[in-house]
Amino acid sequence: MGFDLQMVRTPAAADEAELPNSSGIAGYYRFNVWGMNMTVGALEWADAIHYKSAPPIPEPELNGIDEDRLFETIEALRGEAPETAAPPTEAEVRAARAYVQAHEDSVSASSLVDGRVGAYKFQTNDGWLVTPEECVVLARKLRQHAELIARDYFPDAGVKQDDGRRWILGFARYNEIAAEHGGYRVR
């Protein structure tokens, strides 16, 4: 399991030297579970995150519709359903659209509190949107504290100081670029 970050609008290119976790894919960034845990720790050191509760992710309102069928309808609405799938009914389409909208409203809200971003956006891969404003906060605080984090946090966690600095500055740069491209999703 890992965390895939994808910008809302894809930039023209990615410089792998500047964005070490991008695999050279524009708008993309990847953390394995260990890497995201380390990054959350670095965000703590930068005073960039808070631990207030996440908004609840809604449960689908089925109203007599089979849950599997609801998710098949969502696939159909996205154009991802197999050709052999039965076409959805109007009731299934309404239920699917309502669930998709409720989920989107939940995961897309800003989490800024006292100039910090909700840590929950980096603790699950539920499709949280890190908004452009949140990206600006993260980038600014990571840059502001990069030397302290590289010197004091990463070596205690078994990461060389230079590697830690590159890691934090790469993630800061990703957030700067994302701020200009609609933010990014954490999946």
N, C-alpha and C. Protein backbone atom coordinates (compact mmCIF):
# COMPACT_ATOMS: atom_id res chain seq x y z
N MET A 1 0.84 -1.17 0.00
CA MET A 1 0.00 0.00 0.00
C MET A 1 0.88 1.23 0.00
N GLY A 2 0.40 2.24 -0.64
CA GLY A 2 1.13 3.49 -0.68
C GLY A 2 0.17 4.64 -0.87
N PHE A 3 0.73 5.79 -1.13
CA PHE A 3 -0.03 7.00 -1.33
C PHE A 3 0.39 7.61 -2.66
N ASP A 4 -0.57 7.75 -3.55
CA ASP A 4 -0.35 8.38 -4.84
C ASP A 4 -0.95 9.78 -4.79
N LEU A 5 -0.12 10.77 -5.07
CA LEU A 5 -0.58 12.14 -5.12
C LEU A 5 -0.66 12.54 -6.59
N GLN A 6 -1.78 13.12 -6.99
CA GLN A 6 -1.96 13.53 -8.39
C GLN A 6 -2.58 14.92 -8.41
N MET A 7 -1.91 15.83 -9.10
CA MET A 7 -2.41 17.20 -9.19
C MET A 7 -3.73 17.22 -9.95
N VAL A 8 -4.58 18.18 -9.60
CA VAL A 8 -5.88 18.33 -10.24
C VAL A 8 -5.71 18.65 -11.73
N ARG A 9 -4.82 19.58 -12.02
CA ARG A 9 -4.48 19.89 -13.42
C ARG A 9 -3.00 19.53 -13.60
N THR A 10 -2.71 18.76 -14.61
CA THR A 10 -1.36 18.26 -14.81
C THR A 10 -0.46 19.32 -15.43
N PRO A 11 0.69 19.60 -14.80
CA PRO A 11 1.65 20.53 -15.39
C PRO A 11 2.30 19.93 -16.65
N ALA A 12 2.99 20.77 -17.38
CA ALA A 12 3.58 20.34 -18.65
C ALA A 12 4.62 19.24 -18.50
N ALA A 13 5.41 19.28 -17.42
CA ALA A 13 6.50 18.31 -17.28
C ALA A 13 6.87 18.16 -15.82
N ALA A 14 7.69 17.15 -15.53
CA ALA A 14 8.22 16.93 -14.17
C ALA A 14 9.72 16.77 -14.27
N ASP A 15 10.44 17.45 -13.42
CA ASP A 15 11.89 17.31 -13.34
C ASP A 15 12.18 16.37 -12.18
N GLU A 16 12.61 15.16 -12.50
CA GLU A 16 12.83 14.14 -11.48
C GLU A 16 13.91 14.56 -10.47
N ALA A 17 14.84 15.38 -10.87
CA ALA A 17 15.86 15.85 -9.94
C ALA A 17 15.24 16.80 -8.91
N GLU A 18 14.27 17.58 -9.35
CA GLU A 18 13.60 18.54 -8.48
C GLU A 18 12.49 17.86 -7.66
N LEU A 19 11.84 16.87 -8.25
CA LEU A 19 10.73 16.16 -7.63
C LEU A 19 11.09 14.67 -7.52
N PRO A 20 11.87 14.29 -6.50
CA PRO A 20 12.43 12.93 -6.45
C PRO A 20 11.42 11.80 -6.40
N ASN A 21 10.22 12.02 -5.93
CA ASN A 21 9.24 10.94 -5.83
C ASN A 21 8.25 10.95 -6.99
N SER A 22 8.55 11.66 -8.06
CA SER A 22 7.61 11.81 -9.17
C SER A 22 7.74 10.73 -10.23
N SER A 23 8.80 9.97 -10.22
CA SER A 23 9.08 8.99 -11.28
C SER A 23 9.09 9.65 -12.65
N GLY A 24 9.32 10.95 -12.68
CA GLY A 24 9.36 11.69 -13.94
C GLY A 24 7.98 11.91 -14.56
N ILE A 25 6.90 11.67 -13.80
CA ILE A 25 5.54 11.81 -14.31
C ILE A 25 4.99 13.15 -13.84
N ALA A 26 4.62 14.00 -14.77
CA ALA A 26 4.13 15.34 -14.43
C ALA A 26 2.88 15.26 -13.56
N GLY A 27 2.88 16.03 -12.47
CA GLY A 27 1.75 16.12 -11.57
C GLY A 27 1.64 15.01 -10.55
N TYR A 28 2.54 14.04 -10.61
CA TYR A 28 2.46 12.84 -9.77
C TYR A 28 3.53 12.85 -8.70
N TYR A 29 3.23 12.26 -7.56
CA TYR A 29 4.20 12.06 -6.49
C TYR A 29 3.79 10.80 -5.74
N ARG A 30 4.71 10.01 -5.26
CA ARG A 30 4.40 8.72 -4.66
C ARG A 30 5.15 8.57 -3.35
N PHE A 31 4.43 8.10 -2.34
CA PHE A 31 5.04 7.72 -1.07
C PHE A 31 4.61 6.31 -0.74
N ASN A 32 5.53 5.46 -0.29
CA ASN A 32 5.10 4.20 0.31
C ASN A 32 4.63 4.54 1.73
N VAL A 33 4.11 3.57 2.45
CA VAL A 33 3.56 3.85 3.78
C VAL A 33 4.63 4.43 4.70
N TRP A 34 5.82 3.86 4.67
CA TRP A 34 6.92 4.36 5.50
C TRP A 34 7.25 5.80 5.13
N GLY A 35 7.34 6.07 3.84
CA GLY A 35 7.68 7.41 3.38
C GLY A 35 6.65 8.45 3.77
N MET A 36 5.37 8.09 3.68
CA MET A 36 4.33 9.04 4.07
C MET A 36 4.37 9.27 5.58
N ASN A 37 4.62 8.21 6.33
CA ASN A 37 4.73 8.36 7.78
C ASN A 37 5.88 9.31 8.13
N MET A 38 7.00 9.16 7.46
CA MET A 38 8.14 10.06 7.68
C MET A 38 7.79 11.49 7.29
N THR A 39 7.05 11.63 6.20
CA THR A 39 6.67 12.96 5.74
C THR A 39 5.72 13.63 6.73
N VAL A 40 4.77 12.87 7.26
CA VAL A 40 3.87 13.41 8.28
C VAL A 40 4.68 13.87 9.50
N GLY A 41 5.67 13.09 9.88
CA GLY A 41 6.54 13.51 10.98
C GLY A 41 7.26 14.81 10.67
N ALA A 42 7.74 14.94 9.45
CA ALA A 42 8.41 16.18 9.05
C ALA A 42 7.43 17.35 9.04
N LEU A 43 6.20 17.10 8.62
CA LEU A 43 5.17 18.15 8.62
C LEU A 43 4.87 18.59 10.06
N GLU A 44 4.93 17.65 11.00
CA GLU A 44 4.76 18.00 12.42
C GLU A 44 5.88 18.95 12.86
N TRP A 45 7.11 18.59 12.50
CA TRP A 45 8.25 19.42 12.88
C TRP A 45 8.13 20.82 12.29
N ALA A 46 7.52 20.92 11.12
CA ALA A 46 7.36 22.21 10.46
C ALA A 46 6.13 22.96 10.98
N ASP A 47 5.41 22.39 11.93
CA ASP A 47 4.17 22.96 12.46
C ASP A 47 3.19 23.26 11.31
N ALA A 48 3.13 22.33 10.37
CA ALA A 48 2.31 22.52 9.17
C ALA A 48 0.98 21.76 9.23
N ILE A 49 0.82 20.88 10.24
CA ILE A 49 -0.41 20.06 10.30
C ILE A 49 -1.03 20.14 11.68
N HIS A 50 -2.33 19.83 11.71
CA HIS A 50 -3.07 19.71 12.98
C HIS A 50 -3.74 18.35 13.01
N TYR A 51 -4.16 17.94 14.19
CA TYR A 51 -4.76 16.63 14.37
C TYR A 51 -6.24 16.70 14.77
N LYS A 52 -6.92 17.71 14.29
CA LYS A 52 -8.37 17.77 14.51
C LYS A 52 -9.03 16.69 13.65
N SER A 53 -10.23 16.32 13.99
CA SER A 53 -10.93 15.23 13.31
C SER A 53 -11.20 15.54 11.84
N ALA A 54 -11.14 14.48 11.06
CA ALA A 54 -11.48 14.56 9.64
C ALA A 54 -12.99 14.62 9.50
N PRO A 55 -13.47 15.28 8.44
CA PRO A 55 -14.91 15.20 8.20
C PRO A 55 -15.28 13.77 7.87
N PRO A 56 -16.47 13.35 8.27
CA PRO A 56 -16.84 11.96 7.98
C PRO A 56 -17.01 11.73 6.48
N ILE A 57 -16.55 10.59 6.03
CA ILE A 57 -16.79 10.19 4.64
C ILE A 57 -18.15 9.50 4.65
N PRO A 58 -19.07 9.98 3.83
CA PRO A 58 -20.45 9.47 3.91
C PRO A 58 -20.57 8.01 3.46
N GLU A 59 -21.54 7.36 4.04
CA GLU A 59 -21.94 6.03 3.60
C GLU A 59 -22.97 6.22 2.50
N PRO A 60 -22.99 5.35 1.52
CA PRO A 60 -24.00 5.50 0.46
C PRO A 60 -25.41 5.27 0.99
N GLU A 61 -26.34 6.09 0.51
CA GLU A 61 -27.75 5.88 0.81
C GLU A 61 -28.30 4.98 -0.28
N LEU A 62 -28.58 3.74 0.08
CA LEU A 62 -28.91 2.73 -0.92
C LEU A 62 -30.38 2.75 -1.34
N ASN A 63 -31.28 3.09 -0.42
CA ASN A 63 -32.72 3.14 -0.75
C ASN A 63 -33.16 1.95 -1.59
N GLY A 64 -32.81 0.77 -1.10
CA GLY A 64 -33.24 -0.45 -1.78
C GLY A 64 -32.35 -0.90 -2.93
N ILE A 65 -31.28 -0.16 -3.21
CA ILE A 65 -30.35 -0.53 -4.30
C ILE A 65 -29.23 -1.36 -3.69
N ASP A 66 -28.86 -2.41 -4.34
CA ASP A 66 -27.75 -3.25 -3.92
C ASP A 66 -26.45 -2.43 -3.96
N GLU A 67 -25.63 -2.53 -2.89
CA GLU A 67 -24.41 -1.73 -2.81
C GLU A 67 -23.46 -2.02 -3.97
N ASP A 68 -23.29 -3.27 -4.33
CA ASP A 68 -22.42 -3.61 -5.47
C ASP A 68 -22.94 -2.94 -6.74
N ARG A 69 -24.25 -2.95 -6.89
CA ARG A 69 -24.86 -2.33 -8.09
C ARG A 69 -24.64 -0.82 -8.08
N LEU A 70 -24.67 -0.21 -6.90
CA LEU A 70 -24.41 1.23 -6.81
C LEU A 70 -23.00 1.54 -7.33
N PHE A 71 -22.02 0.73 -6.90
CA PHE A 71 -20.65 0.99 -7.33
C PHE A 71 -20.44 0.64 -8.80
N GLU A 72 -21.18 -0.32 -9.31
CA GLU A 72 -21.15 -0.59 -10.76
C GLU A 72 -21.72 0.60 -11.52
N THR A 73 -22.74 1.23 -10.98
CA THR A 73 -23.33 2.42 -11.62
C THR A 73 -22.35 3.57 -11.62
N ILE A 74 -21.61 3.73 -10.52
CA ILE A 74 -20.58 4.77 -10.48
C ILE A 74 -19.54 4.51 -11.56
N GLU A 75 -19.12 3.26 -11.72
CA GLU A 75 -18.19 2.91 -12.79
C GLU A 75 -18.78 3.27 -14.15
N ALA A 76 -20.05 3.00 -14.34
CA ALA A 76 -20.71 3.31 -15.62
C ALA A 76 -20.72 4.82 -15.86
N LEU A 77 -21.00 5.60 -14.83
CA LEU A 77 -21.01 7.05 -14.98
C LEU A 77 -19.62 7.59 -15.34
N ARG A 78 -18.60 6.91 -14.88
CA ARG A 78 -17.21 7.32 -15.18
C ARG A 78 -16.71 6.73 -16.50
N GLY A 79 -17.55 5.93 -17.14
CA GLY A 79 -17.14 5.29 -18.39
C GLY A 79 -16.20 4.13 -18.18
N GLU A 80 -16.23 3.54 -16.99
CA GLU A 80 -15.30 2.46 -16.65
C GLU A 80 -15.98 1.10 -16.52
N ALA A 81 -17.28 1.03 -16.82
CA ALA A 81 -18.01 -0.23 -16.66
C ALA A 81 -17.67 -1.19 -17.81
N PRO A 82 -17.64 -2.48 -17.52
CA PRO A 82 -17.42 -3.46 -18.59
C PRO A 82 -18.58 -3.40 -19.60
N GLU A 83 -18.27 -3.74 -20.82
CA GLU A 83 -19.29 -3.71 -21.88
C GLU A 83 -20.46 -4.64 -21.57
N THR A 84 -20.23 -5.67 -20.80
CA THR A 84 -21.28 -6.65 -20.48
C THR A 84 -22.19 -6.21 -19.33
N ALA A 85 -21.89 -5.08 -18.68
CA ALA A 85 -22.68 -4.63 -17.53
C ALA A 85 -24.06 -4.17 -18.00
N ALA A 86 -25.05 -4.48 -17.18
CA ALA A 86 -26.41 -4.02 -17.47
C ALA A 86 -26.48 -2.51 -17.30
N PRO A 87 -27.23 -1.82 -18.16
CA PRO A 87 -27.35 -0.37 -18.01
C PRO A 87 -28.04 -0.02 -16.69
N PRO A 88 -27.61 1.06 -16.03
CA PRO A 88 -28.22 1.42 -14.76
C PRO A 88 -29.62 2.00 -14.94
N THR A 89 -30.43 1.82 -13.91
CA THR A 89 -31.76 2.42 -13.90
C THR A 89 -31.64 3.89 -13.49
N GLU A 90 -32.69 4.65 -13.67
CA GLU A 90 -32.69 6.06 -13.26
C GLU A 90 -32.46 6.18 -11.75
N ALA A 91 -33.08 5.30 -10.98
CA ALA A 91 -32.90 5.33 -9.52
C ALA A 91 -31.45 5.04 -9.15
N GLU A 92 -30.81 4.11 -9.83
CA GLU A 92 -29.40 3.80 -9.56
C GLU A 92 -28.51 4.98 -9.93
N VAL A 93 -28.82 5.64 -11.03
CA VAL A 93 -28.04 6.81 -11.45
C VAL A 93 -28.19 7.93 -10.42
N ARG A 94 -29.41 8.19 -9.95
CA ARG A 94 -29.63 9.24 -8.94
C ARG A 94 -28.86 8.92 -7.66
N ALA A 95 -28.95 7.67 -7.20
CA ALA A 95 -28.25 7.27 -5.97
C ALA A 95 -26.74 7.38 -6.15
N ALA A 96 -26.23 6.96 -7.28
CA ALA A 96 -24.79 7.02 -7.55
C ALA A 96 -24.31 8.47 -7.59
N ARG A 97 -25.04 9.33 -8.28
CA ARG A 97 -24.64 10.75 -8.35
C ARG A 97 -24.69 11.41 -6.97
N ALA A 98 -25.71 11.08 -6.19
CA ALA A 98 -25.82 11.66 -4.84
C ALA A 98 -24.64 11.22 -3.97
N TYR A 99 -24.29 9.94 -4.07
CA TYR A 99 -23.16 9.45 -3.26
C TYR A 99 -21.85 10.08 -3.72
N VAL A 100 -21.62 10.12 -5.01
CA VAL A 100 -20.39 10.71 -5.53
C VAL A 100 -20.27 12.17 -5.09
N GLN A 101 -21.37 12.93 -5.15
CA GLN A 101 -21.34 14.33 -4.74
C GLN A 101 -21.09 14.47 -3.24
N ALA A 102 -21.74 13.66 -2.44
CA ALA A 102 -21.54 13.72 -0.98
C ALA A 102 -20.10 13.37 -0.62
N HIS A 103 -19.55 12.35 -1.28
CA HIS A 103 -18.16 11.96 -1.04
C HIS A 103 -17.22 13.10 -1.46
N GLU A 104 -17.47 13.67 -2.62
CA GLU A 104 -16.63 14.76 -3.12
C GLU A 104 -16.67 15.96 -2.18
N ASP A 105 -17.86 16.31 -1.70
CA ASP A 105 -17.98 17.44 -0.77
C ASP A 105 -17.16 17.18 0.48
N SER A 106 -17.16 15.95 0.96
CA SER A 106 -16.44 15.60 2.18
C SER A 106 -14.93 15.67 1.99
N VAL A 107 -14.42 15.08 0.93
CA VAL A 107 -12.96 14.98 0.76
C VAL A 107 -12.33 16.23 0.15
N SER A 108 -13.15 17.16 -0.32
CA SER A 108 -12.60 18.34 -1.00
C SER A 108 -12.55 19.60 -0.14
N ALA A 109 -13.11 19.55 1.05
CA ALA A 109 -13.16 20.73 1.90
C ALA A 109 -11.76 21.09 2.42
N SER A 110 -11.53 22.37 2.56
CA SER A 110 -10.27 22.83 3.14
C SER A 110 -10.22 22.39 4.60
N SER A 111 -9.03 22.05 5.05
CA SER A 111 -8.83 21.64 6.44
C SER A 111 -8.01 22.67 7.22
N LEU A 112 -7.79 23.84 6.63
CA LEU A 112 -6.95 24.83 7.30
C LEU A 112 -7.55 25.27 8.63
N VAL A 113 -6.76 25.13 9.68
CA VAL A 113 -7.12 25.60 11.01
C VAL A 113 -5.86 26.24 11.58
N ASP A 114 -5.96 27.49 11.94
CA ASP A 114 -4.81 28.21 12.52
C ASP A 114 -3.56 28.09 11.65
N GLY A 115 -3.73 28.16 10.34
CA GLY A 115 -2.58 28.12 9.44
C GLY A 115 -1.94 26.77 9.29
N ARG A 116 -2.67 25.70 9.62
CA ARG A 116 -2.15 24.35 9.49
C ARG A 116 -3.16 23.48 8.76
N VAL A 117 -2.67 22.43 8.11
CA VAL A 117 -3.47 21.51 7.29
C VAL A 117 -3.79 20.27 8.12
N GLY A 118 -4.95 19.69 7.89
CA GLY A 118 -5.35 18.48 8.61
C GLY A 118 -4.44 17.31 8.29
N ALA A 119 -3.86 16.70 9.32
CA ALA A 119 -2.98 15.55 9.13
C ALA A 119 -3.72 14.41 8.46
N TYR A 120 -5.03 14.32 8.68
CA TYR A 120 -5.82 13.22 8.12
C TYR A 120 -5.71 13.14 6.61
N LYS A 121 -5.40 14.25 5.95
CA LYS A 121 -5.29 14.23 4.49
C LYS A 121 -4.09 13.39 4.04
N PHE A 122 -3.18 13.09 4.97
CA PHE A 122 -1.98 12.32 4.65
C PHE A 122 -1.95 10.99 5.39
N GLN A 123 -3.06 10.60 5.99
CA GLN A 123 -3.09 9.37 6.76
C GLN A 123 -3.96 8.29 6.14
N THR A 124 -4.77 8.65 5.17
CA THR A 124 -5.54 7.66 4.42
C THR A 124 -5.49 8.06 2.95
N ASN A 125 -5.74 7.10 2.10
CA ASN A 125 -5.73 7.41 0.66
C ASN A 125 -7.15 7.39 0.11
N ASP A 126 -8.02 8.19 0.76
CA ASP A 126 -9.44 8.26 0.40
C ASP A 126 -9.75 9.31 -0.66
N GLY A 127 -8.75 9.86 -1.30
CA GLY A 127 -9.00 10.86 -2.34
C GLY A 127 -9.08 12.28 -1.81
N TRP A 128 -8.50 12.52 -0.63
CA TRP A 128 -8.52 13.88 -0.07
C TRP A 128 -7.93 14.86 -1.06
N LEU A 129 -8.55 16.03 -1.15
CA LEU A 129 -7.99 17.12 -1.95
C LEU A 129 -7.18 18.02 -1.03
N VAL A 130 -5.91 18.18 -1.34
CA VAL A 130 -5.09 19.18 -0.68
C VAL A 130 -5.24 20.41 -1.56
N THR A 131 -5.95 21.42 -1.03
CA THR A 131 -6.34 22.58 -1.82
C THR A 131 -5.12 23.45 -2.16
N PRO A 132 -5.24 24.32 -3.15
CA PRO A 132 -4.12 25.21 -3.46
C PRO A 132 -3.65 26.03 -2.25
N GLU A 133 -4.61 26.51 -1.45
CA GLU A 133 -4.23 27.27 -0.26
C GLU A 133 -3.46 26.40 0.74
N GLU A 134 -3.88 25.16 0.87
CA GLU A 134 -3.16 24.24 1.76
C GLU A 134 -1.77 23.95 1.21
N CYS A 135 -1.65 23.82 -0.09
CA CYS A 135 -0.34 23.59 -0.72
C CYS A 135 0.62 24.73 -0.42
N VAL A 136 0.12 25.96 -0.48
CA VAL A 136 0.97 27.13 -0.19
C VAL A 136 1.48 27.07 1.24
N VAL A 137 0.60 26.75 2.18
CA VAL A 137 0.99 26.64 3.59
C VAL A 137 2.05 25.56 3.77
N LEU A 138 1.81 24.38 3.20
CA LEU A 138 2.76 23.28 3.35
C LEU A 138 4.13 23.64 2.77
N ALA A 139 4.14 24.19 1.56
CA ALA A 139 5.41 24.55 0.92
C ALA A 139 6.17 25.58 1.74
N ARG A 140 5.46 26.61 2.19
CA ARG A 140 6.12 27.69 2.95
C ARG A 140 6.72 27.15 4.25
N LYS A 141 5.95 26.35 4.98
CA LYS A 141 6.45 25.85 6.26
C LYS A 141 7.57 24.81 6.08
N LEU A 142 7.46 23.98 5.05
CA LEU A 142 8.54 23.02 4.80
C LEU A 142 9.84 23.74 4.45
N ARG A 143 9.76 24.74 3.59
CA ARG A 143 10.97 25.50 3.24
C ARG A 143 11.54 26.23 4.45
N GLN A 144 10.65 26.82 5.24
CA GLN A 144 11.07 27.57 6.42
C GLN A 144 11.82 26.69 7.42
N HIS A 145 11.43 25.43 7.53
CA HIS A 145 12.01 24.53 8.53
C HIS A 145 12.87 23.41 7.94
N ALA A 146 13.19 23.49 6.67
CA ALA A 146 13.90 22.40 5.98
C ALA A 146 15.23 22.05 6.65
N GLU A 147 16.01 23.04 7.02
CA GLU A 147 17.32 22.76 7.61
C GLU A 147 17.18 22.10 8.98
N LEU A 148 16.26 22.59 9.80
CA LEU A 148 16.02 22.00 11.11
C LEU A 148 15.56 20.55 10.97
N ILE A 149 14.62 20.30 10.06
CA ILE A 149 14.10 18.95 9.85
C ILE A 149 15.21 18.02 9.36
N ALA A 150 15.99 18.50 8.40
CA ALA A 150 17.08 17.68 7.84
C ALA A 150 18.14 17.39 8.90
N ARG A 151 18.43 18.37 9.74
CA ARG A 151 19.48 18.22 10.74
C ARG A 151 19.03 17.39 11.94
N ASP A 152 17.80 17.62 12.43
CA ASP A 152 17.40 17.04 13.71
C ASP A 152 16.38 15.89 13.60
N TYR A 153 15.50 15.93 12.62
CA TYR A 153 14.46 14.91 12.54
C TYR A 153 14.91 13.69 11.75
N PHE A 154 15.40 13.90 10.55
CA PHE A 154 15.71 12.76 9.69
C PHE A 154 16.83 11.87 10.22
N PRO A 155 17.95 12.40 10.71
CA PRO A 155 18.99 11.49 11.23
C PRO A 155 18.48 10.61 12.38
N ASP A 156 17.62 11.15 13.24
CA ASP A 156 17.06 10.33 14.33
C ASP A 156 16.16 9.23 13.79
N ALA A 157 15.63 9.43 12.57
CA ALA A 157 14.75 8.43 11.95
C ALA A 157 15.52 7.53 10.98
N GLY A 158 16.85 7.65 10.97
CA GLY A 158 17.66 6.77 10.13
C GLY A 158 17.81 7.24 8.69
N VAL A 159 17.55 8.52 8.43
CA VAL A 159 17.69 9.08 7.09
C VAL A 159 18.84 10.07 7.11
N LYS A 160 19.74 9.96 6.15
CA LYS A 160 20.87 10.89 6.08
C LYS A 160 20.37 12.32 5.92
N GLN A 161 21.09 13.24 6.52
CA GLN A 161 20.70 14.65 6.50
C GLN A 161 20.50 15.17 5.08
N ASP A 162 21.43 14.89 4.18
CA ASP A 162 21.30 15.38 2.80
C ASP A 162 20.09 14.77 2.09
N ASP A 163 19.83 13.49 2.34
CA ASP A 163 18.66 12.84 1.76
C ASP A 163 17.37 13.43 2.32
N GLY A 164 17.37 13.71 3.62
CA GLY A 164 16.20 14.32 4.24
C GLY A 164 15.92 15.71 3.70
N ARG A 165 16.98 16.50 3.52
CA ARG A 165 16.82 17.84 2.95
C ARG A 165 16.25 17.75 1.55
N ARG A 166 16.79 16.85 0.73
CA ARG A 166 16.30 16.68 -0.64
C ARG A 166 14.83 16.26 -0.63
N TRP A 167 14.48 15.36 0.28
CA TRP A 167 13.12 14.86 0.42
C TRP A 167 12.15 16.01 0.73
N ILE A 168 12.50 16.80 1.75
CA ILE A 168 11.62 17.89 2.18
C ILE A 168 11.53 18.98 1.13
N LEU A 169 12.65 19.34 0.54
CA LEU A 169 12.60 20.38 -0.49
C LEU A 169 11.87 19.89 -1.74
N GLY A 170 11.96 18.60 -2.05
CA GLY A 170 11.20 18.05 -3.17
C GLY A 170 9.71 18.11 -2.92
N PHE A 171 9.30 17.77 -1.69
CA PHE A 171 7.88 17.82 -1.37
C PHE A 171 7.39 19.27 -1.29
N ALA A 172 8.23 20.16 -0.81
CA ALA A 172 7.87 21.59 -0.82
C ALA A 172 7.65 22.06 -2.26
N ARG A 173 8.56 21.67 -3.14
CA ARG A 173 8.42 22.08 -4.55
C ARG A 173 7.17 21.48 -5.18
N TYR A 174 6.87 20.23 -4.88
CA TYR A 174 5.65 19.61 -5.40
C TYR A 174 4.43 20.43 -4.97
N ASN A 175 4.41 20.85 -3.71
CA ASN A 175 3.29 21.66 -3.22
C ASN A 175 3.24 23.03 -3.89
N GLU A 176 4.38 23.62 -4.17
CA GLU A 176 4.39 24.92 -4.88
C GLU A 176 3.79 24.78 -6.27
N ILE A 177 4.19 23.74 -6.97
CA ILE A 177 3.66 23.50 -8.32
C ILE A 177 2.16 23.17 -8.24
N ALA A 178 1.78 22.34 -7.28
CA ALA A 178 0.38 21.95 -7.13
C ALA A 178 -0.50 23.15 -6.81
N ALA A 179 0.01 24.11 -6.06
CA ALA A 179 -0.77 25.30 -5.73
C ALA A 179 -1.21 26.04 -6.98
N GLU A 180 -0.43 25.94 -8.04
CA GLU A 180 -0.74 26.59 -9.31
C GLU A 180 -1.56 25.70 -10.23
N HIS A 181 -1.82 24.46 -9.80
CA HIS A 181 -2.52 23.48 -10.66
C HIS A 181 -3.73 22.85 -9.96
N GLY A 182 -4.37 23.62 -9.06
CA GLY A 182 -5.60 23.15 -8.45
C GLY A 182 -5.44 22.28 -7.23
N GLY A 183 -4.22 22.13 -6.71
CA GLY A 183 -3.97 21.25 -5.58
C GLY A 183 -3.74 19.83 -6.05
N TYR A 184 -3.89 18.87 -5.14
CA TYR A 184 -3.69 17.46 -5.52
C TYR A 184 -4.55 16.55 -4.66
N ARG A 185 -4.80 15.38 -5.22
CA ARG A 185 -5.55 14.31 -4.54
C ARG A 185 -4.58 13.34 -3.91
N VAL A 186 -4.94 12.83 -2.73
CA VAL A 186 -4.16 11.80 -2.06
C VAL A 186 -4.96 10.50 -2.15
N ARG A 187 -4.45 9.56 -2.93
CA ARG A 187 -5.16 8.29 -3.15
C ARG A 187 -4.24 7.13 -2.80
